Amino acid sequence: MNKLYFAESDKKMLSRLDGELKNIFKSSDKVAIKLHMGEVYNPNHLQPDFVKKVVTLMKELGLKPFLFDSPTMYEGPRHTVEGYLRQAAKLGFTEESVGCPVVISDDYVEVKGKRLTYQVCKPLADADGVLVLSHFKGHACCGVGGAVKNLGMGALTSKSKNDIHQNAMPELKGKCSLCKKCLEVCPQKCITYNEENGRGAAEAPASGLAGSRASGRGGRLVGPVFNRGKCYGCSKCIQHCPNKCLKPRVAEFDELLADGAAAALRKFKKAYFVNVLRRIANVCDCSSRGLHIVCPDIGILMGRDACAIDRASVDLVNRKTGKGLFLELWHKQPLMHVGAAERLGVGSQDYALEDA
């Protein structure tokens, strides 16, 4: 049973974190603080003044902290090391403001996972330990973003992030009944259909679309056509298909995300996890559209197990809102990737919660 601690205030969090970090790290350890440093158009990410409190505590313990994140797979300010550093500084994340170095890197060490070979960020692998500091919120692909998501994407290079999304993309491998359930749950609405009297999918590749392999009358292909330029590879269409005719290229998104997290943790020398349940939004800290807070602030969770802390976070939100919030928001059980991580040996969802 994993012991987790809950704090309503920063003061109580820091008091408990003081004792916890003393038991994990030793004085002079170089410790990476793995976090998302935000987008200018999204106010929900962890703020520099909060992060500075954690940095100050770590320095008082004789540790040598540095903030770390990796570039994004998609175009934008955080797509390059230089661009991310500029944006981080604009948002208040500089060595002068938070009290420790800010490192953005796509350097890596390769780790063979169950499904893919992953590029784990080298500064995390080289550090004496990692404090995984996560803002807990909803997420279009995996239902929620917490500790496992922070590792399974954020601890990997932009190439590995792209590999996960690409290798989770759906392909039609069976007979489609044209129920259109896949379109209903698709967050991007990037699916169209080739019906028996419609345009054949053989024409689709020229427009960047990928179609089905099932044939209808006159040799036309029947079934969903996926716009690969818009598809997240979230696997929801696969999971909701009543005919089980959709399959991922390699594995479903949740399994690949968990596999990436497991690969990262195998390279970490030590790790501790903090989930911040404040400004709990419907979407991740990268998103710019449709942002809204979906749950009142709850507090901060701390512990040594990534699976347990994410499970407890979901439980606390569901208790606070009185419903399965993230399933309702995203048509996805929010602990699928956490369960996959548990099966890969990342941790256990069993926990006991104590006040800090």
Protein backbone atom coordinates (compact mmCIF):
# COMPACT_ATOMS: atom_id res chain seq x y z
CA MET A 1 0.00 0.00 0.00
CA ASN A 2 1.47 3.33 -1.09
CA LYS A 3 1.39 6.12 1.45
CA LEU A 4 0.36 9.47 -0.01
CA TYR A 5 0.15 12.83 1.70
CA PHE A 6 -2.44 15.53 1.12
CA ALA A 7 -1.87 19.24 1.83
CA GLU A 8 -4.43 22.02 1.51
CA SER A 9 -1.82 24.79 1.70
CA ASP A 10 1.66 25.47 0.36
CA LYS A 11 2.93 25.72 3.94
CA LYS A 12 1.76 22.21 4.82
CA MET A 13 3.08 20.87 1.52
CA LEU A 14 6.54 22.32 2.16
CA SER A 15 6.61 20.96 5.71
CA ARG A 16 5.86 17.43 4.55
CA LEU A 17 8.07 17.71 1.47
CA ASP A 18 11.00 18.69 3.70
CA GLY A 19 10.89 15.34 5.48
CA GLU A 20 10.14 13.33 2.37
CA LEU A 21 13.01 14.74 0.32
CA LYS A 22 15.46 14.21 3.19
CA ASN A 23 14.60 10.52 3.11
CA ILE A 24 15.06 10.18 -0.64
CA PHE A 25 17.87 12.47 -1.69
CA LYS A 26 21.17 13.24 -0.06
CA SER A 27 22.82 16.63 0.32
CA SER A 28 24.56 17.79 -2.87
CA ASP A 29 22.36 15.62 -5.13
CA LYS A 30 21.60 17.24 -8.47
CA VAL A 31 17.82 16.91 -8.78
CA ALA A 32 15.74 17.70 -11.86
CA ILE A 33 12.31 19.23 -11.31
CA LYS A 34 10.31 17.88 -14.25
CA LEU A 35 7.45 20.23 -15.03
CA HIS A 36 5.51 21.92 -17.85
CA MET A 37 6.41 25.62 -17.93
CA GLY A 38 3.30 26.71 -19.75
CA GLU A 39 1.93 28.55 -22.75
CA VAL A 40 1.30 32.29 -22.88
CA TYR A 41 -2.37 31.78 -23.79
CA ASN A 42 -3.11 29.23 -21.04
CA PRO A 43 -3.09 30.51 -17.42
CA ASN A 44 -3.49 27.14 -15.71
CA HIS A 45 0.08 25.84 -15.61
CA LEU A 46 2.14 25.89 -12.40
CA GLN A 47 3.29 29.42 -11.67
CA PRO A 48 6.90 30.55 -11.02
CA ASP A 49 6.19 31.78 -7.48
CA PHE A 50 4.89 28.33 -6.48
CA VAL A 51 7.82 26.55 -8.14
CA LYS A 52 10.26 28.92 -6.44
CA LYS A 53 9.00 27.76 -3.02
CA VAL A 54 9.89 24.19 -3.93
CA VAL A 55 13.28 25.24 -5.31
CA THR A 56 14.07 27.24 -2.15
CA LEU A 57 13.24 24.25 0.08
CA MET A 58 15.43 21.95 -1.99
CA LYS A 59 18.36 24.35 -1.80
CA GLU A 60 17.93 24.63 1.98
CA LEU A 61 18.29 20.84 2.09
CA GLY A 62 21.61 21.13 0.25
CA LEU A 63 20.21 19.83 -3.03
CA LYS A 64 21.09 21.27 -6.43
CA PRO A 65 17.77 21.60 -8.29
CA PHE A 66 17.18 22.59 -11.89
CA LEU A 67 13.93 22.95 -13.83
CA PHE A 68 13.57 20.70 -16.85
CA ASP A 69 11.29 20.14 -19.80
CA SER A 70 11.70 18.92 -23.37
CA PRO A 71 10.59 20.58 -26.64
CA THR A 72 7.19 19.85 -28.15
CA MET A 73 6.58 17.60 -31.16
CA TYR A 74 4.37 20.24 -32.79
CA GLU A 75 5.28 23.63 -34.22
CA GLY A 76 5.10 26.57 -31.82
CA PRO A 77 7.17 28.59 -29.36
CA ARG A 78 8.21 25.48 -27.39
CA HIS A 79 9.19 23.38 -30.41
CA THR A 80 12.89 24.32 -30.17
CA VAL A 81 15.23 24.63 -27.22
CA GLU A 82 15.79 28.33 -27.91
CA GLY A 83 12.09 29.03 -28.43
CA TYR A 84 11.09 27.22 -25.24
CA LEU A 85 13.71 29.10 -23.20
CA ARG A 86 12.42 32.41 -24.55
CA GLN A 87 8.83 31.52 -23.72
CA ALA A 88 9.75 30.19 -20.27
CA ALA A 89 11.50 33.47 -19.53
CA LYS A 90 8.45 35.42 -20.74
CA LEU A 91 6.33 33.46 -18.27
CA GLY A 92 8.74 34.06 -15.39
CA PHE A 93 10.85 30.90 -15.42
CA THR A 94 14.45 32.14 -15.31
CA GLU A 95 17.34 31.27 -13.02
CA GLU A 96 17.07 34.74 -11.48
CA SER A 97 13.35 34.46 -10.77
CA VAL A 98 13.07 30.88 -9.49
CA GLY A 99 16.55 30.46 -8.02
CA CYS A 100 17.90 27.58 -10.10
CA PRO A 101 18.93 26.81 -13.69
CA VAL A 102 16.26 26.24 -16.34
CA VAL A 103 17.20 23.45 -18.75
CA ILE A 104 15.41 22.58 -22.00
CA SER A 105 16.92 19.71 -23.95
CA ASP A 106 16.23 17.10 -26.62
CA ASP A 107 19.45 15.19 -25.87
CA TYR A 108 18.66 11.60 -25.06
CA VAL A 109 19.57 8.07 -24.13
CA GLU A 110 17.72 5.24 -25.86
CA VAL A 111 15.65 2.81 -23.83
CA LYS A 112 13.95 -0.23 -25.35
CA GLY A 113 10.36 -0.47 -24.16
CA LYS A 114 7.78 -3.20 -24.60
CA ARG A 115 6.40 -1.65 -27.80
CA LEU A 116 8.88 0.97 -29.04
CA THR A 117 12.38 2.24 -28.41
CA TYR A 118 12.12 5.56 -26.56
CA GLN A 119 14.46 8.52 -26.34
CA VAL A 120 14.58 9.44 -22.65
CA CYS A 121 15.88 12.95 -22.02
CA LYS A 122 19.53 12.76 -21.00
CA PRO A 123 19.49 15.51 -18.34
CA LEU A 124 16.88 13.47 -16.43
CA ALA A 125 18.88 10.26 -16.80
CA ASP A 126 22.10 11.99 -15.72
CA ALA A 127 20.58 13.68 -12.65
CA ASP A 128 20.87 12.11 -9.20
CA GLY A 129 17.09 12.13 -9.02
CA VAL A 130 13.89 13.64 -10.37
CA LEU A 131 11.07 15.49 -8.64
CA VAL A 132 8.06 15.01 -10.94
CA LEU A 133 5.99 18.15 -10.37
CA SER A 134 2.66 17.89 -12.23
CA HIS A 135 -0.35 20.13 -12.64
CA PHE A 136 -3.34 17.77 -12.61
CA LYS A 137 -6.01 18.48 -15.26
CA GLY A 138 -8.07 16.92 -18.03
CA HIS A 139 -6.52 15.72 -21.27
CA ALA A 140 -8.03 14.99 -24.68
CA CYS A 141 -5.95 11.88 -25.35
CA CYS A 142 -5.70 10.11 -22.00
CA GLY A 143 -8.53 11.67 -19.99
CA VAL A 144 -6.25 13.24 -17.39
CA GLY A 145 -2.74 14.58 -17.27
CA GLY A 146 -0.80 13.86 -14.09
CA ALA A 147 2.43 12.14 -13.09
CA VAL A 148 2.32 9.30 -15.64
CA LYS A 149 1.56 11.71 -18.47
CA ASN A 150 4.33 14.06 -17.27
CA LEU A 151 6.76 11.16 -17.69
CA GLY A 152 5.30 9.32 -20.69
CA MET A 153 5.46 12.44 -22.85
CA GLY A 154 7.41 15.12 -20.99
CA ALA A 155 10.42 12.97 -20.10
CA LEU A 156 10.90 11.99 -23.74
CA THR A 157 12.23 13.81 -26.79
CA SER A 158 10.03 15.42 -29.40
CA LYS A 159 10.71 12.46 -31.72
CA SER A 160 9.49 9.93 -29.16
CA LYS A 161 6.40 12.03 -28.44
CA ASN A 162 5.60 11.95 -32.14
CA ASP A 163 6.31 8.21 -32.30
CA ILE A 164 3.72 7.57 -29.58
CA HIS A 165 1.01 9.57 -31.34
CA GLN A 166 1.80 8.16 -34.79
CA ASN A 167 1.96 4.53 -33.70
CA ALA A 168 -1.37 4.77 -31.88
CA MET A 169 -3.24 5.98 -34.97
CA PRO A 170 -6.24 3.87 -36.05
CA GLU A 171 -6.49 1.60 -39.07
CA LEU A 172 -9.55 -0.27 -40.28
CA LYS A 173 -8.91 -4.01 -40.00
CA GLY A 174 -12.44 -5.41 -40.09
CA LYS A 175 -15.94 -4.84 -41.41
CA CYS A 176 -17.37 -1.41 -40.62
CA SER A 177 -21.13 -1.11 -39.97
CA LEU A 178 -21.09 2.68 -40.47
CA CYS A 179 -22.50 3.27 -36.97
CA LYS A 180 -20.30 6.40 -36.78
CA LYS A 181 -19.59 5.93 -33.08
CA CYS A 182 -15.93 6.73 -33.80
CA LEU A 183 -16.83 10.22 -35.03
CA GLU A 184 -18.99 10.79 -31.97
CA VAL A 185 -16.04 10.33 -29.59
CA CYS A 186 -13.29 11.84 -31.77
CA PRO A 187 -11.97 15.01 -30.06
CA GLN A 188 -10.78 16.42 -33.39
CA LYS A 189 -13.78 15.40 -35.50
CA CYS A 190 -11.28 14.33 -38.11
CA ILE A 191 -13.24 11.35 -39.47
CA THR A 192 -15.32 11.22 -42.63
CA TYR A 193 -16.93 8.15 -44.20
CA ASN A 194 -16.87 6.30 -47.46
CA GLU A 195 -20.32 4.78 -47.70
CA GLU A 196 -21.28 2.30 -50.41
CA ASN A 197 -22.47 5.00 -52.80
CA GLY A 198 -19.86 7.56 -51.77
CA ARG A 199 -16.43 8.53 -53.02
CA GLY A 200 -13.93 5.70 -52.85
CA ALA A 201 -11.10 6.00 -50.33
CA ALA A 202 -8.67 5.10 -53.09
CA GLU A 203 -8.81 8.79 -53.99
CA ALA A 204 -8.10 9.91 -50.43
CA PRO A 205 -4.27 9.72 -50.08
CA ALA A 206 -3.83 12.63 -52.47
CA SER A 207 -5.61 14.86 -49.97
CA GLY A 208 -3.68 13.56 -46.99
CA LEU A 209 -6.42 11.24 -45.77
CA ALA A 210 -6.17 7.55 -45.00
CA GLY A 211 -9.19 5.33 -45.63
CA SER A 212 -10.48 1.88 -44.82
CA ARG A 213 -9.76 -1.48 -46.40
CA ALA A 214 -13.32 -2.82 -46.54
CA SER A 215 -15.04 -2.94 -49.95
CA GLY A 216 -18.62 -2.03 -50.83
CA ARG A 217 -20.60 -2.23 -54.08
CA GLY A 218 -18.70 -1.44 -57.23
CA GLY A 219 -15.34 -1.94 -55.49
CA ARG A 220 -15.65 1.27 -53.49
CA LEU A 221 -14.11 1.21 -50.01
CA VAL A 222 -16.54 1.40 -47.09
CA GLY A 223 -15.82 2.85 -43.67
CA PRO A 224 -14.07 5.70 -41.85
CA VAL A 225 -11.46 7.95 -43.46
CA PHE A 226 -9.02 9.52 -41.01
CA ASN A 227 -7.40 12.89 -41.56
CA ARG A 228 -3.91 12.06 -40.34
CA GLY A 229 -2.98 15.72 -40.19
CA LYS A 230 -5.60 16.30 -37.49
CA CYS A 231 -5.70 12.91 -35.74
CA TYR A 232 -4.17 12.80 -32.24
CA GLY A 233 -3.89 9.02 -32.19
CA CYS A 234 -5.83 9.10 -28.90
CA SER A 235 -7.33 5.62 -29.54
CA LYS A 236 -10.84 6.60 -28.43
CA CYS A 237 -12.32 5.56 -31.78
CA ILE A 238 -10.66 2.15 -31.35
CA GLN A 239 -11.91 1.74 -27.80
CA HIS A 240 -15.50 2.72 -28.62
CA CYS A 241 -15.90 0.77 -31.88
CA PRO A 242 -18.72 -1.77 -31.23
CA ASN A 243 -17.50 -4.00 -34.07
CA LYS A 244 -13.86 -3.96 -32.93
CA CYS A 245 -12.85 -3.30 -36.52
CA LEU A 246 -10.37 -0.51 -35.73
CA LYS A 247 -6.84 -1.34 -34.59
CA PRO A 248 -3.82 0.84 -33.74
CA ARG A 249 -0.74 0.78 -35.92
CA VAL A 250 1.33 -0.61 -33.02
CA ALA A 251 -0.60 -0.19 -29.74
CA GLU A 252 -3.22 2.05 -28.22
CA PHE A 253 -2.18 5.50 -27.01
CA ASP A 254 -2.57 4.65 -23.31
CA GLU A 255 -0.26 1.66 -23.59
CA LEU A 256 2.42 3.57 -25.50
CA LEU A 257 2.24 6.49 -23.07
CA ALA A 258 2.65 4.11 -20.14
CA ASP A 259 5.49 2.31 -21.93
CA GLY A 260 7.26 5.65 -22.38
CA ALA A 261 6.81 6.47 -18.69
CA ALA A 262 8.21 3.08 -17.71
CA ALA A 263 11.20 3.62 -19.99
CA ALA A 264 11.90 6.99 -18.39
CA LEU A 265 11.65 5.68 -14.84
CA ARG A 266 14.12 2.90 -15.62
CA LYS A 267 16.73 5.60 -16.26
CA PHE A 268 15.92 7.69 -13.16
CA LYS A 269 18.13 7.02 -10.15
CA LYS A 270 15.49 8.24 -7.67
CA ALA A 271 12.07 9.84 -8.05
CA TYR A 272 9.36 11.58 -6.03
CA PHE A 273 5.97 12.82 -7.22
CA VAL A 274 3.88 15.91 -6.49
CA ASN A 275 0.47 16.48 -8.12
CA VAL A 276 -1.05 19.95 -7.78
CA LEU A 277 -4.85 19.85 -7.88
CA ARG A 278 -5.54 23.53 -8.46
CA ARG A 279 -6.99 25.31 -11.48
CA ILE A 280 -8.21 21.91 -12.62
CA ALA A 281 -9.12 22.55 -16.24
CA ASN A 282 -10.87 20.44 -18.86
CA VAL A 283 -7.81 20.43 -21.11
CA CYS A 284 -4.04 20.25 -20.79
CA ASP A 285 -1.69 23.19 -20.26
CA CYS A 286 -0.76 23.16 -23.97
CA SER A 287 -4.29 23.92 -25.13
CA SER A 288 -5.55 27.30 -26.25
CA ARG A 289 -9.17 26.49 -27.14
CA GLY A 290 -12.20 25.87 -24.97
CA LEU A 291 -10.40 26.37 -21.68
CA HIS A 292 -12.48 26.31 -18.53
CA ILE A 293 -12.07 25.25 -14.92
CA VAL A 294 -14.12 22.11 -14.23
CA CYS A 295 -13.46 21.49 -10.53
CA PRO A 296 -12.80 23.74 -7.50
CA ASP A 297 -9.27 23.74 -6.11
CA ILE A 298 -8.54 20.73 -3.92
CA GLY A 299 -4.92 20.80 -2.78
CA ILE A 300 -1.61 19.02 -3.29
CA LEU A 301 -0.73 15.31 -3.26
CA MET A 302 2.73 13.88 -2.59
CA GLY A 303 4.15 10.37 -2.75
CA ARG A 304 6.65 7.93 -4.16
CA ASP A 305 4.40 6.15 -6.65
CA ALA A 306 3.23 7.64 -9.97
CA CYS A 307 0.30 5.24 -10.37
CA ALA A 308 -0.98 5.76 -6.83
CA ILE A 309 -0.79 9.56 -6.97
CA ASP A 310 -2.69 9.72 -10.27
CA ARG A 311 -5.35 7.31 -9.00
CA ALA A 312 -5.79 9.36 -5.83
CA SER A 313 -6.01 12.55 -7.89
CA VAL A 314 -8.86 11.14 -10.00
CA ASP A 315 -10.62 9.89 -6.86
CA LEU A 316 -10.39 13.29 -5.17
CA VAL A 317 -11.77 15.10 -8.22
CA ASN A 318 -14.64 12.63 -8.58
CA ARG A 319 -15.45 13.02 -4.90
CA LYS A 320 -15.34 16.81 -5.16
CA THR A 321 -17.57 16.96 -8.23
CA GLY A 322 -19.81 14.02 -7.35
CA LYS A 323 -19.35 12.32 -10.72
CA GLY A 324 -16.89 10.67 -13.08
CA LEU A 325 -15.81 14.06 -14.38
CA PHE A 326 -13.11 13.18 -16.87
CA LEU A 327 -15.01 10.26 -18.38
CA GLU A 328 -17.89 12.66 -18.97
CA LEU A 329 -15.59 15.26 -20.51
CA TRP A 330 -13.51 13.04 -22.78
CA HIS A 331 -15.42 9.77 -23.35
CA LYS A 332 -12.50 7.90 -21.86
CA GLN A 333 -11.81 6.11 -18.61
CA PRO A 334 -9.12 8.44 -17.19
CA LEU A 335 -7.05 5.68 -15.58
CA MET A 336 -6.46 3.51 -18.65
CA HIS A 337 -2.88 4.73 -19.05
CA VAL A 338 -2.31 4.46 -15.30
CA GLY A 339 -3.53 0.85 -15.38
CA ALA A 340 -1.22 0.16 -18.30
CA ALA A 341 1.68 1.69 -16.34
CA GLU A 342 0.80 -0.51 -13.37
CA ARG A 343 0.94 -3.62 -15.56
CA LEU A 344 4.37 -2.52 -16.79
CA GLY A 345 5.70 -2.31 -13.24
CA VAL A 346 5.70 1.47 -12.86
CA GLY A 347 3.80 1.24 -9.57
CA SER A 348 0.52 0.32 -7.93
CA GLN A 349 -2.80 2.14 -7.74
CA ASP A 350 -3.34 1.00 -4.15
CA TYR A 351 -2.87 3.87 -1.71
CA ALA A 352 -3.49 5.15 1.78
CA LEU A 353 -4.00 8.89 2.12
CA GLU A 354 -2.84 10.91 5.11
CA ASP A 355 -2.96 14.63 5.84
CA ALA A 356 0.43 16.30 5.54
